[in-house]
Amino acid sequence: KARGATARLADLVGEGAEGEGACVETIFLPGKRVNPCNAC
């Protein structure tokens, strides 16, 4: 989640975007429930 290297690197990308006026919302998939596709 937020403490990992991936999130920290993505945060830097977000900082660059926010510096240009963007609004960034981060979603951590381990904090959500996204099941595998059932092919239904």
ModelCIF file with pLDDT and N, C-alpha, C, O atoms, coordinates in Angstrom:
data_MODEL
#
_entry.id   MODEL 
#
_entity.id                         1 
_entity.type                       polymer 
_entity.pdbx_number_of_molecules   1 
#
_entity_poly.entity_id                      1 
_entity_poly.type                           'polypeptide(L)' 
_entity_poly.nstd_linkage                   no 
_entity_poly.nstd_monomer                   no 
_entity_poly.pdbx_seq_one_letter_code       KARGATARLADLVGEGAEGEGACVETIFLPGKRVNPCNAC 
_entity_poly.pdbx_seq_one_letter_code_can   KARGATARLADLVGEGAEGEGACVETIFLPGKRVNPCNAC 
_entity_poly.pdbx_strand_id                 A 
#
loop_
_entity_poly_seq.entity_id 
_entity_poly_seq.num 
_entity_poly_seq.mon_id 
_entity_poly_seq.hetero 
1 1  LYS n 
1 2  ALA n 
1 3  ARG n 
1 4  GLY n 
1 5  ALA n 
1 6  THR n 
1 7  ALA n 
1 8  ARG n 
1 9  LEU n 
1 10 ALA n 
1 11 ASP n 
1 12 LEU n 
1 13 VAL n 
1 14 GLY n 
1 15 GLU n 
1 16 GLY n 
1 17 ALA n 
1 18 GLU n 
1 19 GLY n 
1 20 GLU n 
1 21 GLY n 
1 22 ALA n 
1 23 CYS n 
1 24 VAL n 
1 25 GLU n 
1 26 THR n 
1 27 ILE n 
1 28 PHE n 
1 29 LEU n 
1 30 PRO n 
1 31 GLY n 
1 32 LYS n 
1 33 ARG n 
1 34 VAL n 
1 35 ASN n 
1 36 PRO n 
1 37 CYS n 
1 38 ASN n 
1 39 ALA n 
1 40 CYS n 
#
_struct_asym.id          A 
_struct_asym.entity_id   1 
#
loop_
_ma_qa_metric.id 
_ma_qa_metric.mode 
_ma_qa_metric.name 
_ma_qa_metric.software_group_id 
_ma_qa_metric.type 
1 global pLDDT . pLDDT 
2 local  pLDDT . pLDDT 
#
_ma_qa_metric_global.metric_id      1 
_ma_qa_metric_global.metric_value   96.22 
_ma_qa_metric_global.model_id       1 
_ma_qa_metric_global.ordinal_id     1 
#
loop_
_ma_qa_metric_local.label_asym_id 
_ma_qa_metric_local.label_comp_id 
_ma_qa_metric_local.label_seq_id 
_ma_qa_metric_local.metric_id 
_ma_qa_metric_local.metric_value 
_ma_qa_metric_local.model_id 
_ma_qa_metric_local.ordinal_id 
A LYS 1  2 95.00 1 1  
A ALA 2  2 95.00 1 2  
A ARG 3  2 93.00 1 3  
A GLY 4  2 96.00 1 4  
A ALA 5  2 97.00 1 5  
A THR 6  2 98.00 1 6  
A ALA 7  2 98.00 1 7  
A ARG 8  2 98.00 1 8  
A LEU 9  2 98.00 1 9  
A ALA 10 2 98.00 1 10 
A ASP 11 2 98.00 1 11 
A LEU 12 2 98.00 1 12 
A VAL 13 2 98.00 1 13 
A GLY 14 2 98.00 1 14 
A GLU 15 2 98.00 1 15 
A GLY 16 2 98.00 1 16 
A ALA 17 2 98.00 1 17 
A GLU 18 2 98.00 1 18 
A GLY 19 2 98.00 1 19 
A GLU 20 2 98.00 1 20 
A GLY 21 2 98.00 1 21 
A ALA 22 2 98.00 1 22 
A CYS 23 2 98.00 1 23 
A VAL 24 2 98.00 1 24 
A GLU 25 2 98.00 1 25 
A THR 26 2 98.00 1 26 
A ILE 27 2 97.00 1 27 
A PHE 28 2 97.00 1 28 
A LEU 29 2 96.00 1 29 
A PRO 30 2 87.00 1 30 
A GLY 31 2 86.00 1 31 
A LYS 32 2 90.00 1 32 
A ARG 33 2 94.00 1 33 
A VAL 34 2 96.00 1 34 
A ASN 35 2 95.00 1 35 
A PRO 36 2 95.00 1 36 
A CYS 37 2 96.00 1 37 
A ASN 38 2 95.00 1 38 
A ALA 39 2 95.00 1 39 
A CYS 40 2 96.00 1 40 
#
loop_
_atom_site.group_PDB 
_atom_site.id 
_atom_site.type_symbol 
_atom_site.label_atom_id 
_atom_site.label_alt_id 
_atom_site.label_comp_id 
_atom_site.label_asym_id 
_atom_site.label_entity_id 
_atom_site.label_seq_id 
_atom_site.pdbx_PDB_ins_code 
_atom_site.Cartn_x 
_atom_site.Cartn_y 
_atom_site.Cartn_z 
_atom_site.occupancy 
_atom_site.B_iso_or_equiv 
_atom_site.pdbx_formal_charge 
_atom_site.auth_seq_id 
_atom_site.auth_comp_id 
_atom_site.auth_asym_id 
_atom_site.auth_atom_id 
_atom_site.pdbx_PDB_model_num 
ATOM 1   N N  . LYS A 1 1  ? 0.833   -1.209  0.000   1.00 95.00 ? 1  LYS A N  1 
ATOM 2   C CA . LYS A 1 1  ? 0.000   0.000   0.000   1.00 95.00 ? 1  LYS A CA 1 
ATOM 3   C C  . LYS A 1 1  ? 0.869   1.261   0.000   1.00 95.00 ? 1  LYS A C  1 
ATOM 4   O O  . LYS A 1 1  ? 1.816   1.361   -0.781  1.00 95.00 ? 1  LYS A O  1 
ATOM 5   N N  . ALA A 1 2  ? 0.551   2.225   0.874   1.00 95.00 ? 2  ALA A N  1 
ATOM 6   C CA . ALA A 1 2  ? 1.208   3.532   0.832   1.00 95.00 ? 2  ALA A CA 1 
ATOM 7   C C  . ALA A 1 2  ? 2.677   3.477   1.235   1.00 95.00 ? 2  ALA A C  1 
ATOM 8   O O  . ALA A 1 2  ? 3.453   4.345   0.834   1.00 95.00 ? 2  ALA A O  1 
ATOM 9   N N  . ARG A 1 3  ? 3.076   2.479   2.017   1.00 93.00 ? 3  ARG A N  1 
ATOM 10  C CA . ARG A 1 3  ? 4.458   2.441   2.501   1.00 93.00 ? 3  ARG A CA 1 
ATOM 11  C C  . ARG A 1 3  ? 5.411   1.766   1.513   1.00 93.00 ? 3  ARG A C  1 
ATOM 12  O O  . ARG A 1 3  ? 6.622   1.766   1.734   1.00 93.00 ? 3  ARG A O  1 
ATOM 13  N N  . GLY A 1 4  ? 4.888   1.195   0.436   1.00 96.00 ? 4  GLY A N  1 
ATOM 14  C CA . GLY A 1 4  ? 5.727   0.493   -0.507  1.00 96.00 ? 4  GLY A CA 1 
ATOM 15  C C  . GLY A 1 4  ? 6.428   1.399   -1.491  1.00 96.00 ? 4  GLY A C  1 
ATOM 16  O O  . GLY A 1 4  ? 6.055   2.561   -1.657  1.00 96.00 ? 4  GLY A O  1 
ATOM 17  N N  . ALA A 1 5  ? 7.447   0.866   -2.144  1.00 97.00 ? 5  ALA A N  1 
ATOM 18  C CA . ALA A 1 5  ? 8.212   1.639   -3.116  1.00 97.00 ? 5  ALA A CA 1 
ATOM 19  C C  . ALA A 1 5  ? 7.354   2.044   -4.315  1.00 97.00 ? 5  ALA A C  1 
ATOM 20  O O  . ALA A 1 5  ? 7.529   3.134   -4.860  1.00 97.00 ? 5  ALA A O  1 
ATOM 21  N N  . THR A 1 6  ? 6.430   1.177   -4.730  1.00 98.00 ? 6  THR A N  1 
ATOM 22  C CA . THR A 1 6  ? 5.586   1.506   -5.877  1.00 98.00 ? 6  THR A CA 1 
ATOM 23  C C  . THR A 1 6  ? 4.737   2.734   -5.594  1.00 98.00 ? 6  THR A C  1 
ATOM 24  O O  . THR A 1 6  ? 4.653   3.644   -6.420  1.00 98.00 ? 6  THR A O  1 
ATOM 25  N N  . ALA A 1 7  ? 4.113   2.757   -4.435  1.00 98.00 ? 7  ALA A N  1 
ATOM 26  C CA . ALA A 1 7  ? 3.282   3.913   -4.079  1.00 98.00 ? 7  ALA A CA 1 
ATOM 27  C C  . ALA A 1 7  ? 4.127   5.171   -3.939  1.00 98.00 ? 7  ALA A C  1 
ATOM 28  O O  . ALA A 1 7  ? 3.694   6.255   -4.327  1.00 98.00 ? 7  ALA A O  1 
ATOM 29  N N  . ARG A 1 8  ? 5.317   5.038   -3.393  1.00 98.00 ? 8  ARG A N  1 
ATOM 30  C CA . ARG A 1 8  ? 6.176   6.220   -3.225  1.00 98.00 ? 8  ARG A CA 1 
ATOM 31  C C  . ARG A 1 8  ? 6.610   6.780   -4.576  1.00 98.00 ? 8  ARG A C  1 
ATOM 32  O O  . ARG A 1 8  ? 6.690   7.995   -4.754  1.00 98.00 ? 8  ARG A O  1 
ATOM 33  N N  . LEU A 1 9  ? 6.890   5.887   -5.528  1.00 98.00 ? 9  LEU A N  1 
ATOM 34  C CA . LEU A 1 9  ? 7.276   6.359   -6.854  1.00 98.00 ? 9  LEU A CA 1 
ATOM 35  C C  . LEU A 1 9  ? 6.075   6.981   -7.573  1.00 98.00 ? 9  LEU A C  1 
ATOM 36  O O  . LEU A 1 9  ? 6.203   8.015   -8.228  1.00 98.00 ? 9  LEU A O  1 
ATOM 37  N N  . ALA A 1 10 ? 4.918   6.346   -7.445  1.00 98.00 ? 10 ALA A N  1 
ATOM 38  C CA . ALA A 1 10 ? 3.705   6.905   -8.053  1.00 98.00 ? 10 ALA A CA 1 
ATOM 39  C C  . ALA A 1 10 ? 3.345   8.255   -7.436  1.00 98.00 ? 10 ALA A C  1 
ATOM 40  O O  . ALA A 1 10 ? 2.825   9.139   -8.117  1.00 98.00 ? 10 ALA A O  1 
ATOM 41  N N  . ASP A 1 11 ? 3.625   8.405   -6.144  1.00 98.00 ? 11 ASP A N  1 
ATOM 42  C CA . ASP A 1 11 ? 3.365   9.690   -5.489  1.00 98.00 ? 11 ASP A CA 1 
ATOM 43  C C  . ASP A 1 11 ? 4.180   10.811  -6.125  1.00 98.00 ? 11 ASP A C  1 
ATOM 44  O O  . ASP A 1 11 ? 3.705   11.941  -6.239  1.00 98.00 ? 11 ASP A O  1 
ATOM 45  N N  . LEU A 1 12 ? 5.395   10.502  -6.532  1.00 98.00 ? 12 LEU A N  1 
ATOM 46  C CA . LEU A 1 12 ? 6.232   11.511  -7.180  1.00 98.00 ? 12 LEU A CA 1 
ATOM 47  C C  . LEU A 1 12 ? 5.636   11.929  -8.524  1.00 98.00 ? 12 LEU A C  1 
ATOM 48  O O  . LEU A 1 12 ? 5.668   13.103  -8.892  1.00 98.00 ? 12 LEU A O  1 
ATOM 49  N N  . VAL A 1 13 ? 5.090   10.947  -9.253  1.00 98.00 ? 13 VAL A N  1 
ATOM 50  C CA . VAL A 1 13 ? 4.400   11.281  -10.504 1.00 98.00 ? 13 VAL A CA 1 
ATOM 51  C C  . VAL A 1 13 ? 3.213   12.184  -10.187 1.00 98.00 ? 13 VAL A C  1 
ATOM 52  O O  . VAL A 1 13 ? 2.971   13.176  -10.874 1.00 98.00 ? 13 VAL A O  1 
ATOM 53  N N  . GLY A 1 14 ? 2.486   11.827  -9.148  1.00 98.00 ? 14 GLY A N  1 
ATOM 54  C CA . GLY A 1 14 ? 1.354   12.649  -8.734  1.00 98.00 ? 14 GLY A CA 1 
ATOM 55  C C  . GLY A 1 14 ? 1.759   14.045  -8.323  1.00 98.00 ? 14 GLY A C  1 
ATOM 56  O O  . GLY A 1 14 ? 1.041   15.007  -8.596  1.00 98.00 ? 14 GLY A O  1 
ATOM 57  N N  . GLU A 1 15 ? 2.907   14.170  -7.664  1.00 98.00 ? 15 GLU A N  1 
ATOM 58  C CA . GLU A 1 15 ? 3.393   15.503  -7.281  1.00 98.00 ? 15 GLU A CA 1 
ATOM 59  C C  . GLU A 1 15 ? 3.644   16.368  -8.507  1.00 98.00 ? 15 GLU A C  1 
ATOM 60  O O  . GLU A 1 15 ? 3.309   17.552  -8.525  1.00 98.00 ? 15 GLU A O  1 
ATOM 61  N N  . GLY A 1 16 ? 4.238   15.764  -9.528  1.00 98.00 ? 16 GLY A N  1 
ATOM 62  C CA . GLY A 1 16 ? 4.477   16.502  -10.757 1.00 98.00 ? 16 GLY A CA 1 
ATOM 63  C C  . GLY A 1 16 ? 3.182   16.961  -11.395 1.00 98.00 ? 16 GLY A C  1 
ATOM 64  O O  . GLY A 1 16 ? 3.092   18.080  -11.901 1.00 98.00 ? 16 GLY A O  1 
ATOM 65  N N  . ALA A 1 17 ? 2.169   16.090  -11.371 1.00 98.00 ? 17 ALA A N  1 
ATOM 66  C CA . ALA A 1 17 ? 0.869   16.441  -11.937 1.00 98.00 ? 17 ALA A CA 1 
ATOM 67  C C  . ALA A 1 17 ? 0.177   17.521  -11.108 1.00 98.00 ? 17 ALA A C  1 
ATOM 68  O O  . ALA A 1 17 ? -0.404  18.459  -11.654 1.00 98.00 ? 17 ALA A O  1 
ATOM 69  N N  . GLU A 1 18 ? 0.246   17.380  -9.800  1.00 98.00 ? 18 GLU A N  1 
ATOM 70  C CA . GLU A 1 18 ? -0.394  18.375  -8.925  1.00 98.00 ? 18 GLU A CA 1 
ATOM 71  C C  . GLU A 1 18 ? 0.263   19.743  -9.064  1.00 98.00 ? 18 GLU A C  1 
ATOM 72  O O  . GLU A 1 18 ? -0.393  20.774  -8.921  1.00 98.00 ? 18 GLU A O  1 
ATOM 73  N N  . GLY A 1 19 ? 1.558   19.742  -9.343  1.00 98.00 ? 19 GLY A N  1 
ATOM 74  C CA . GLY A 1 19 ? 2.253   20.998  -9.558  1.00 98.00 ? 19 GLY A CA 1 
ATOM 75  C C  . GLY A 1 19 ? 1.760   21.751  -10.776 1.00 98.00 ? 19 GLY A C  1 
ATOM 76  O O  . GLY A 1 19 ? 1.962   22.959  -10.899 1.00 98.00 ? 19 GLY A O  1 
ATOM 77  N N  . GLU A 1 20 ? 1.098   21.015  -11.692 1.00 98.00 ? 20 GLU A N  1 
ATOM 78  C CA . GLU A 1 20 ? 0.518   21.627  -12.890 1.00 98.00 ? 20 GLU A CA 1 
ATOM 79  C C  . GLU A 1 20 ? -0.989  21.836  -12.751 1.00 98.00 ? 20 GLU A C  1 
ATOM 80  O O  . GLU A 1 20 ? -1.685  22.120  -13.725 1.00 98.00 ? 20 GLU A O  1 
ATOM 81  N N  . GLY A 1 21 ? -1.479  21.688  -11.508 1.00 98.00 ? 21 GLY A N  1 
ATOM 82  C CA . GLY A 1 21 ? -2.880  21.982  -11.239 1.00 98.00 ? 21 GLY A CA 1 
ATOM 83  C C  . GLY A 1 21 ? -3.812  20.797  -11.191 1.00 98.00 ? 21 GLY A C  1 
ATOM 84  O O  . GLY A 1 21 ? -5.019  20.978  -11.025 1.00 98.00 ? 21 GLY A O  1 
ATOM 85  N N  . ALA A 1 22 ? -3.293  19.579  -11.332 1.00 98.00 ? 22 ALA A N  1 
ATOM 86  C CA . ALA A 1 22 ? -4.148  18.396  -11.331 1.00 98.00 ? 22 ALA A CA 1 
ATOM 87  C C  . ALA A 1 22 ? -4.542  18.010  -9.907  1.00 98.00 ? 22 ALA A C  1 
ATOM 88  O O  . ALA A 1 22 ? -3.880  18.376  -8.935  1.00 98.00 ? 22 ALA A O  1 
ATOM 89  N N  . CYS A 1 23 ? -5.630  17.264  -9.814  1.00 98.00 ? 23 CYS A N  1 
ATOM 90  C CA . CYS A 1 23 ? -6.079  16.668  -8.555  1.00 98.00 ? 23 CYS A CA 1 
ATOM 91  C C  . CYS A 1 23 ? -5.909  15.160  -8.674  1.00 98.00 ? 23 CYS A C  1 
ATOM 92  O O  . CYS A 1 23 ? -6.391  14.553  -9.630  1.00 98.00 ? 23 CYS A O  1 
ATOM 93  N N  . VAL A 1 24 ? -5.226  14.553  -7.709  1.00 98.00 ? 24 VAL A N  1 
ATOM 94  C CA . VAL A 1 24 ? -4.902  13.126  -7.791  1.00 98.00 ? 24 VAL A CA 1 
ATOM 95  C C  . VAL A 1 24 ? -5.550  12.374  -6.636  1.00 98.00 ? 24 VAL A C  1 
ATOM 96  O O  . VAL A 1 24 ? -5.412  12.762  -5.477  1.00 98.00 ? 24 VAL A O  1 
ATOM 97  N N  . GLU A 1 25 ? -6.250  11.308  -6.956  1.00 98.00 ? 25 GLU A N  1 
ATOM 98  C CA . GLU A 1 25 ? -6.824  10.414  -5.950  1.00 98.00 ? 25 GLU A CA 1 
ATOM 99  C C  . GLU A 1 25 ? -6.183  9.041   -6.104  1.00 98.00 ? 25 GLU A C  1 
ATOM 100 O O  . GLU A 1 25 ? -6.144  8.488   -7.204  1.00 98.00 ? 25 GLU A O  1 
ATOM 101 N N  . THR A 1 26 ? -5.680  8.491   -5.001  1.00 98.00 ? 26 THR A N  1 
ATOM 102 C CA . THR A 1 26 ? -5.002  7.194   -5.038  1.00 98.00 ? 26 THR A CA 1 
ATOM 103 C C  . THR A 1 26 ? -5.894  6.106   -4.463  1.00 98.00 ? 26 THR A C  1 
ATOM 104 O O  . THR A 1 26 ? -6.485  6.266   -3.395  1.00 98.00 ? 26 THR A O  1 
ATOM 105 N N  . ILE A 1 27 ? -5.981  4.995   -5.187  1.00 97.00 ? 27 ILE A N  1 
ATOM 106 C CA . ILE A 1 27 ? -6.739  3.827   -4.760  1.00 97.00 ? 27 ILE A CA 1 
ATOM 107 C C  . ILE A 1 27 ? -5.766  2.674   -4.578  1.00 97.00 ? 27 ILE A C  1 
ATOM 108 O O  . ILE A 1 27 ? -5.022  2.328   -5.495  1.00 97.00 ? 27 ILE A O  1 
ATOM 109 N N  . PHE A 1 28 ? -5.776  2.081   -3.389  1.00 97.00 ? 28 PHE A N  1 
ATOM 110 C CA . PHE A 1 28 ? -4.920  0.926   -3.109  1.00 97.00 ? 28 PHE A CA 1 
ATOM 111 C C  . PHE A 1 28 ? -5.759  -0.340  -3.266  1.00 97.00 ? 28 PHE A C  1 
ATOM 112 O O  . PHE A 1 28 ? -6.679  -0.584  -2.486  1.00 97.00 ? 28 PHE A O  1 
ATOM 113 N N  . LEU A 1 29 ? -5.437  -1.134  -4.271  1.00 96.00 ? 29 LEU A N  1 
ATOM 114 C CA . LEU A 1 29 ? -6.243  -2.326  -4.522  1.00 96.00 ? 29 LEU A CA 1 
ATOM 115 C C  . LEU A 1 29 ? -6.254  -3.300  -3.345  1.00 96.00 ? 29 LEU A C  1 
ATOM 116 O O  . LEU A 1 29 ? -7.284  -3.930  -3.106  1.00 96.00 ? 29 LEU A O  1 
ATOM 117 N N  . PRO A 1 30 ? -5.155  -3.455  -2.599  1.00 87.00 ? 30 PRO A N  1 
ATOM 118 C CA . PRO A 1 30 ? -5.249  -4.316  -1.423  1.00 87.00 ? 30 PRO A CA 1 
ATOM 119 C C  . PRO A 1 30 ? -6.212  -3.782  -0.363  1.00 87.00 ? 30 PRO A C  1 
ATOM 120 O O  . PRO A 1 30 ? -6.626  -4.531  0.522   1.00 87.00 ? 30 PRO A O  1 
ATOM 121 N N  . GLY A 1 31 ? -6.572  -2.510  -0.437  1.00 86.00 ? 31 GLY A N  1 
ATOM 122 C CA . GLY A 1 31 ? -7.558  -1.936  0.477   1.00 86.00 ? 31 GLY A CA 1 
ATOM 123 C C  . GLY A 1 31 ? -8.966  -2.023  -0.064  1.00 86.00 ? 31 GLY A C  1 
ATOM 124 O O  . GLY A 1 31 ? -9.922  -1.651  0.615   1.00 86.00 ? 31 GLY A O  1 
ATOM 125 N N  . LYS A 1 32 ? -9.098  -2.515  -1.289  1.00 90.00 ? 32 LYS A N  1 
ATOM 126 C CA . LYS A 1 32 ? -10.395 -2.722  -1.922  1.00 90.00 ? 32 LYS A CA 1 
ATOM 127 C C  . LYS A 1 32 ? -10.574 -4.215  -2.181  1.00 90.00 ? 32 LYS A C  1 
ATOM 128 O O  . LYS A 1 32 ? -9.644  -5.002  -2.007  1.00 90.00 ? 32 LYS A O  1 
ATOM 129 N N  . ARG A 1 33 ? -11.770 -4.590  -2.596  1.00 94.00 ? 33 ARG A N  1 
ATOM 130 C CA . ARG A 1 33 ? -12.013 -5.989  -2.936  1.00 94.00 ? 33 ARG A CA 1 
ATOM 131 C C  . ARG A 1 33 ? -12.371 -6.060  -4.414  1.00 94.00 ? 33 ARG A C  1 
ATOM 132 O O  . ARG A 1 33 ? -13.461 -5.660  -4.823  1.00 94.00 ? 33 ARG A O  1 
ATOM 133 N N  . VAL A 1 34 ? -11.435 -6.575  -5.208  1.00 96.00 ? 34 VAL A N  1 
ATOM 134 C CA . VAL A 1 34 ? -11.663 -6.780  -6.636  1.00 96.00 ? 34 VAL A CA 1 
ATOM 135 C C  . VAL A 1 34 ? -11.421 -8.260  -6.918  1.00 96.00 ? 34 VAL A C  1 
ATOM 136 O O  . VAL A 1 34 ? -10.279 -8.715  -6.977  1.00 96.00 ? 34 VAL A O  1 
ATOM 137 N N  . ASN A 1 35 ? -12.491 -8.985  -7.088  1.00 95.00 ? 35 ASN A N  1 
ATOM 138 C CA . ASN A 1 35 ? -12.395 -10.424 -7.298  1.00 95.00 ? 35 ASN A CA 1 
ATOM 139 C C  . ASN A 1 35 ? -11.912 -10.748 -8.715  1.00 95.00 ? 35 ASN A C  1 
ATOM 140 O O  . ASN A 1 35 ? -12.004 -9.901  -9.604  1.00 95.00 ? 35 ASN A O  1 
ATOM 141 N N  . PRO A 1 36 ? -11.403 -11.953 -8.932  1.00 95.00 ? 36 PRO A N  1 
ATOM 142 C CA . PRO A 1 36 ? -11.069 -12.364 -10.294 1.00 95.00 ? 36 PRO A CA 1 
ATOM 143 C C  . PRO A 1 36 ? -12.316 -12.419 -11.175 1.00 95.00 ? 36 PRO A C  1 
ATOM 144 O O  . PRO A 1 36 ? -13.430 -12.588 -10.679 1.00 95.00 ? 36 PRO A O  1 
ATOM 145 N N  . CYS A 1 37 ? -12.121 -12.276 -12.467 1.00 96.00 ? 37 CYS A N  1 
ATOM 146 C CA . CYS A 1 37 ? -13.214 -12.385 -13.425 1.00 96.00 ? 37 CYS A CA 1 
ATOM 147 C C  . CYS A 1 37 ? -13.769 -13.810 -13.415 1.00 96.00 ? 37 CYS A C  1 
ATOM 148 O O  . CYS A 1 37 ? -13.011 -14.780 -13.385 1.00 96.00 ? 37 CYS A O  1 
ATOM 149 N N  . ASN A 1 38 ? -15.113 -13.927 -13.441 1.00 95.00 ? 38 ASN A N  1 
ATOM 150 C CA . ASN A 1 38 ? -15.760 -15.242 -13.477 1.00 95.00 ? 38 ASN A CA 1 
ATOM 151 C C  . ASN A 1 38 ? -16.068 -15.712 -14.891 1.00 95.00 ? 38 ASN A C  1 
ATOM 152 O O  . ASN A 1 38 ? -16.585 -16.814 -15.075 1.00 95.00 ? 38 ASN A O  1 
ATOM 153 N N  . ALA A 1 39 ? -15.757 -14.891 -15.896 1.00 95.00 ? 39 ALA A N  1 
ATOM 154 C CA . ALA A 1 39 ? -16.023 -15.235 -17.294 1.00 95.00 ? 39 ALA A CA 1 
ATOM 155 C C  . ALA A 1 39 ? -17.494 -15.563 -17.536 1.00 95.00 ? 39 ALA A C  1 
ATOM 156 O O  . ALA A 1 39 ? -17.819 -16.467 -18.306 1.00 95.00 ? 39 ALA A O  1 
ATOM 157 N N  . CYS A 1 40 ? -18.387 -14.815 -16.866 1.00 96.00 ? 40 CYS A N  1 
ATOM 158 C CA . CYS A 1 40 ? -19.820 -15.079 -16.995 1.00 96.00 ? 40 CYS A CA 1 
ATOM 159 C C  . CYS A 1 40 ? -20.443 -14.355 -18.181 1.00 96.00 ? 40 CYS A C  1 
ATOM 160 O O  . CYS A 1 40 ? -21.644 -14.479 -18.419 1.00 96.00 ? 40 CYS A O  1 
#
